[in-house]
Each structure stands twice: as C-alpha cells, then as structure tokens.
Amino acid sequence: MGSTTALDLIWTPDENDPAEPDVYLKTMAQSIEDGVGDRLRVQELAIGLKAGFASVPAALTSTMTVAPVTINSSNGSFKQGLDISGGVVTVVTPGMYLVSGSLGIAAIAGHFGRVDIRVGATVLCSDEQITNATYNTVAKCSTVVNCVAGDTLTMRIADSVSGATVASNLALTHFTVAMIQAVPV
C-alpha cells in the first residue's frame, strides 16, 4: 500500500505493487457480496471553501505574506466545515485535502509574482511567473495534503521586487480548499 512522508504529509503510491488498485476494488466487491468486512465509504461530508479578495489590496511586497483572503458573495461564498480568519484556514476534520491558490498580477513589466501554499510553516508547492506590461499574469499552484485537526493552511503571496499590484479582475486570485477523503472510520 502507499504511504505518507514524515515531513511533507504527502501520500505516495507503492511503486512495487502493480495490483494496488485491485486491493480496493476487491475489498469493495467482497463487502457488497457478503455484506461484511471493511467497506469503502463515499465521502459524506462536503467540506471546503473558496476564498478571495473583497477588494484590490495594496501593492505586493517582496516578503511572502499571508494573502488576506475572505469569503464573500463576489468570490463564491462557499465555506463549509472549515474555519478561516485573516487568510488562515484551520482544519477541523482530519483527512486528505486538495489545496490550490492563484495570484493575478496586474500588467506590469519586470516583476515576478509569487504564490505558495503552506501547511503550518512547511511550503507544499510554489509558483513564480514573470509579468509583462500588456497582460495580467497568474501564478498558481495546487497540491494534495493529509491534514489533522488543527492544521493551518495558508496561501502566501509576494512580488520579486515590490510594486506590482493584484489584478483588478479579482476572479484571477483565489484560495480553494476541498476535502477529497476523510480519515477512515
């Protein structure tokens, strides 16, 4: 079976077991046939959120800072089963989560917009995009992470030299967290 790494909390498949998917299917089929044993359960909890900026924030700095995202009607108004305060999402229900973030940078030449996703202080993924004077640029990243109750998830943003601004089209900037598997019961 697969495993998670001690520090990164990322699930990795067992490369030496080509029949690994069959283990799950066999367990489910036998459970349906016999009505006994371990069962695979459909995730019954709808846990997740989509956050963004309520208005265009001040210019980006060269220091990675927590994106001040919030939940409001202009960016989806979806929040269920997670707590968010000051751009920090606190996990309540343990499980595997898909976490993604994007930063829309207004048209300006010579900057690198940066975004990263963290659990606590650990960077899980990062992206940096060079900007141009003609078009808005989007830096984005996503990852899957196993979380325990109390873990904090953040999207951090920055500019390579300070001075770039978030694109006025706020749909380009978002922070999304969605549970894809609860801890088995």
Protein backbone atom coordinates (compact mmCIF):
# COMPACT_ATOMS: atom_id res chain seq x y z
CA MET A 1 0.00 0.00 0.00
CA GLY A 2 1.03 3.62 -0.32
CA SER A 3 2.44 5.75 2.45
CA THR A 4 2.88 9.34 3.54
CA THR A 5 6.22 11.01 4.06
CA ALA A 6 7.03 12.07 7.62
CA LEU A 7 7.61 15.75 6.89
CA ASP A 8 5.65 16.55 3.75
CA LEU A 9 2.44 14.70 4.63
CA ILE A 10 2.03 13.73 1.00
CA TRP A 11 0.69 10.30 0.03
CA THR A 12 2.83 8.34 -2.37
CA PRO A 13 1.80 5.10 -4.07
CA ASP A 14 3.70 1.85 -3.58
CA GLU A 15 5.52 1.63 -6.91
CA ASN A 16 6.34 -2.05 -6.31
CA ASP A 17 2.70 -3.15 -6.07
CA PRO A 18 1.08 -3.06 -9.54
CA ALA A 19 -2.09 -4.62 -8.10
CA GLU A 20 -2.66 -1.87 -5.54
CA PRO A 21 -5.88 -0.52 -7.15
CA ASP A 22 -7.24 -4.06 -7.25
CA VAL A 23 -6.96 -4.29 -3.46
CA TYR A 24 -9.56 -1.53 -3.08
CA LEU A 25 -11.87 -2.93 -5.72
CA LYS A 26 -11.63 -6.46 -4.32
CA THR A 27 -12.44 -5.20 -0.81
CA MET A 28 -15.44 -3.26 -2.06
CA ALA A 29 -16.75 -6.12 -4.21
CA GLN A 30 -16.40 -8.67 -1.40
CA SER A 31 -18.10 -6.30 1.03
CA ILE A 32 -21.04 -5.88 -1.33
CA GLU A 33 -21.27 -9.65 -1.92
CA ASP A 34 -21.06 -10.67 1.73
CA GLY A 35 -22.35 -7.61 3.49
CA VAL A 36 -19.46 -7.97 5.94
CA GLY A 37 -15.91 -6.74 6.35
CA ASP A 38 -14.36 -3.39 5.56
CA ARG A 39 -16.39 -1.17 3.33
CA LEU A 40 -15.29 1.68 1.14
CA ARG A 41 -17.49 4.63 2.00
CA VAL A 42 -18.47 7.55 -0.17
CA GLN A 43 -17.30 10.79 1.39
CA GLU A 44 -20.48 12.03 3.04
CA LEU A 45 -19.08 15.29 4.33
CA ALA A 46 -18.99 18.26 1.98
CA ILE A 47 -16.05 20.17 3.41
CA GLY A 48 -14.31 23.02 1.65
CA LEU A 49 -14.08 26.70 0.94
CA LYS A 50 -13.32 29.18 -1.80
CA ALA A 51 -11.88 32.49 -0.68
CA GLY A 52 -10.64 35.58 -2.49
CA PHE A 53 -10.11 39.29 -2.08
CA ALA A 54 -13.07 41.52 -1.26
CA SER A 55 -11.24 44.42 -2.93
CA VAL A 56 -7.88 45.01 -4.59
CA PRO A 57 -5.25 45.11 -1.82
CA ALA A 58 -2.23 47.41 -1.67
CA ALA A 59 0.87 46.75 -3.77
CA LEU A 60 2.62 43.43 -3.24
CA THR A 61 5.82 43.42 -1.19
CA SER A 62 8.93 41.30 -1.67
CA THR A 63 8.22 39.45 1.59
CA MET A 64 5.97 36.37 1.41
CA THR A 65 2.85 37.33 3.39
CA VAL A 66 -0.42 35.56 4.09
CA ALA A 67 -2.93 36.53 1.42
CA PRO A 68 -5.76 38.40 3.20
CA VAL A 69 -8.48 36.31 1.55
CA THR A 70 -12.05 36.21 2.82
CA ILE A 71 -15.34 34.57 1.93
CA ASN A 72 -17.87 36.88 0.27
CA SER A 73 -20.50 36.98 -2.46
CA SER A 74 -18.07 38.28 -5.09
CA ASN A 75 -15.81 35.23 -4.86
CA GLY A 76 -18.17 32.31 -4.43
CA SER A 77 -19.49 32.47 -0.85
CA PHE A 78 -18.57 28.83 -0.24
CA LYS A 79 -17.44 27.79 3.21
CA GLN A 80 -18.42 24.56 4.89
CA GLY A 81 -16.67 22.67 7.67
CA LEU A 82 -13.50 24.82 7.76
CA ASP A 83 -12.61 27.90 9.76
CA ILE A 84 -10.92 30.90 8.12
CA SER A 85 -9.62 34.02 9.82
CA GLY A 86 -7.12 36.54 8.48
CA GLY A 87 -6.48 34.35 5.44
CA VAL A 88 -5.56 31.34 7.61
CA VAL A 89 -7.68 28.20 7.19
CA THR A 90 -7.85 25.92 10.22
CA VAL A 91 -8.69 22.27 9.55
CA VAL A 92 -11.43 20.85 11.77
CA THR A 93 -11.97 17.44 10.16
CA PRO A 94 -8.88 15.26 9.55
CA GLY A 95 -8.45 13.97 6.02
CA MET A 96 -6.87 14.43 2.62
CA TYR A 97 -7.38 17.87 1.11
CA LEU A 98 -6.86 19.38 -2.33
CA VAL A 99 -5.47 22.89 -1.81
CA SER A 100 -4.94 25.40 -4.61
CA GLY A 101 -4.16 29.05 -4.92
CA SER A 102 -3.67 31.60 -7.66
CA LEU A 103 -2.46 35.17 -7.70
CA GLY A 104 -3.49 37.51 -10.51
CA ILE A 105 -0.92 40.27 -11.06
CA ALA A 106 -1.81 43.46 -12.94
CA ALA A 107 0.03 44.18 -16.20
CA ILE A 108 3.49 45.49 -15.30
CA ALA A 109 6.87 44.59 -16.78
CA GLY A 110 9.88 43.19 -14.96
CA HIS A 111 8.35 41.61 -11.88
CA PHE A 112 7.94 38.01 -10.70
CA GLY A 113 4.65 37.30 -8.96
CA ARG A 114 5.00 34.51 -6.40
CA VAL A 115 2.47 32.28 -4.65
CA ASP A 116 2.93 29.33 -2.34
CA ILE A 117 0.71 27.00 -0.32
CA ARG A 118 1.74 26.03 3.20
CA VAL A 119 0.60 23.75 5.98
CA GLY A 120 1.92 25.43 9.10
CA ALA A 121 5.38 26.73 8.12
CA THR A 122 6.04 23.97 5.55
CA VAL A 123 5.86 25.02 1.89
CA LEU A 124 3.94 22.37 -0.06
CA CYS A 125 4.03 23.97 -3.51
CA SER A 126 5.12 27.22 -5.09
CA ASP A 127 4.99 29.08 -8.40
CA GLU A 128 6.62 32.20 -9.75
CA GLN A 129 5.62 33.92 -13.00
CA ILE A 130 7.31 36.79 -14.80
CA THR A 131 4.95 39.66 -15.52
CA ASN A 132 4.56 41.70 -18.69
CA ALA A 133 3.26 45.17 -19.47
CA THR A 134 0.46 44.03 -21.76
CA TYR A 135 -1.46 41.29 -19.96
CA ASN A 136 -2.34 40.27 -16.42
CA THR A 137 -0.22 37.34 -15.23
CA VAL A 138 -1.36 34.48 -12.99
CA ALA A 139 0.92 32.48 -10.67
CA LYS A 140 -0.80 29.33 -9.41
CA CYS A 141 -0.12 26.09 -7.61
CA SER A 142 -2.05 23.18 -6.12
CA THR A 143 -1.29 20.13 -4.02
CA VAL A 144 -2.86 17.31 -2.05
CA VAL A 145 -2.08 17.09 1.67
CA ASN A 146 -3.11 14.90 4.60
CA CYS A 147 -4.25 17.11 7.47
CA VAL A 148 -5.08 16.54 11.11
CA ALA A 149 -7.45 18.67 13.16
CA GLY A 150 -5.79 21.98 13.99
CA ASP A 151 -3.50 22.14 10.94
CA THR A 152 -3.38 25.58 9.35
CA LEU A 153 -3.33 26.16 5.60
CA THR A 154 -2.27 29.44 4.02
CA MET A 155 -1.67 30.95 0.63
CA ARG A 156 1.27 33.34 0.72
CA ILE A 157 1.95 35.94 -1.97
CA ALA A 158 4.78 38.30 -2.94
CA ASP A 159 6.47 40.25 -5.72
CA SER A 160 10.13 39.83 -6.56
CA VAL A 161 10.98 43.50 -6.00
CA SER A 162 7.80 45.12 -4.59
CA GLY A 163 5.49 47.40 -6.50
CA ALA A 164 3.31 45.07 -8.58
CA THR A 165 -0.38 45.03 -7.73
CA VAL A 166 -3.09 42.41 -7.71
CA ALA A 167 -5.11 42.39 -10.93
CA SER A 168 -8.38 44.30 -10.71
CA ASN A 169 -10.13 41.17 -12.06
CA LEU A 170 -10.41 39.55 -8.64
CA ALA A 171 -11.54 36.23 -10.16
CA LEU A 172 -7.86 35.64 -11.04
CA THR A 173 -6.92 35.43 -7.36
CA HIS A 174 -8.37 32.71 -5.15
CA PHE A 175 -7.57 30.21 -2.40
CA THR A 176 -9.50 26.94 -2.52
CA VAL A 177 -9.50 24.04 -0.07
CA ALA A 178 -11.61 20.90 -0.57
CA MET A 179 -11.64 17.62 1.34
CA ILE A 180 -11.24 14.68 -1.02
CA GLN A 181 -11.10 11.88 1.57
CA ALA A 182 -11.95 11.76 5.23
CA VAL A 183 -9.91 9.73 7.68
CA PRO A 184 -11.44 6.20 7.60
CA VAL A 185 -13.85 5.38 10.42
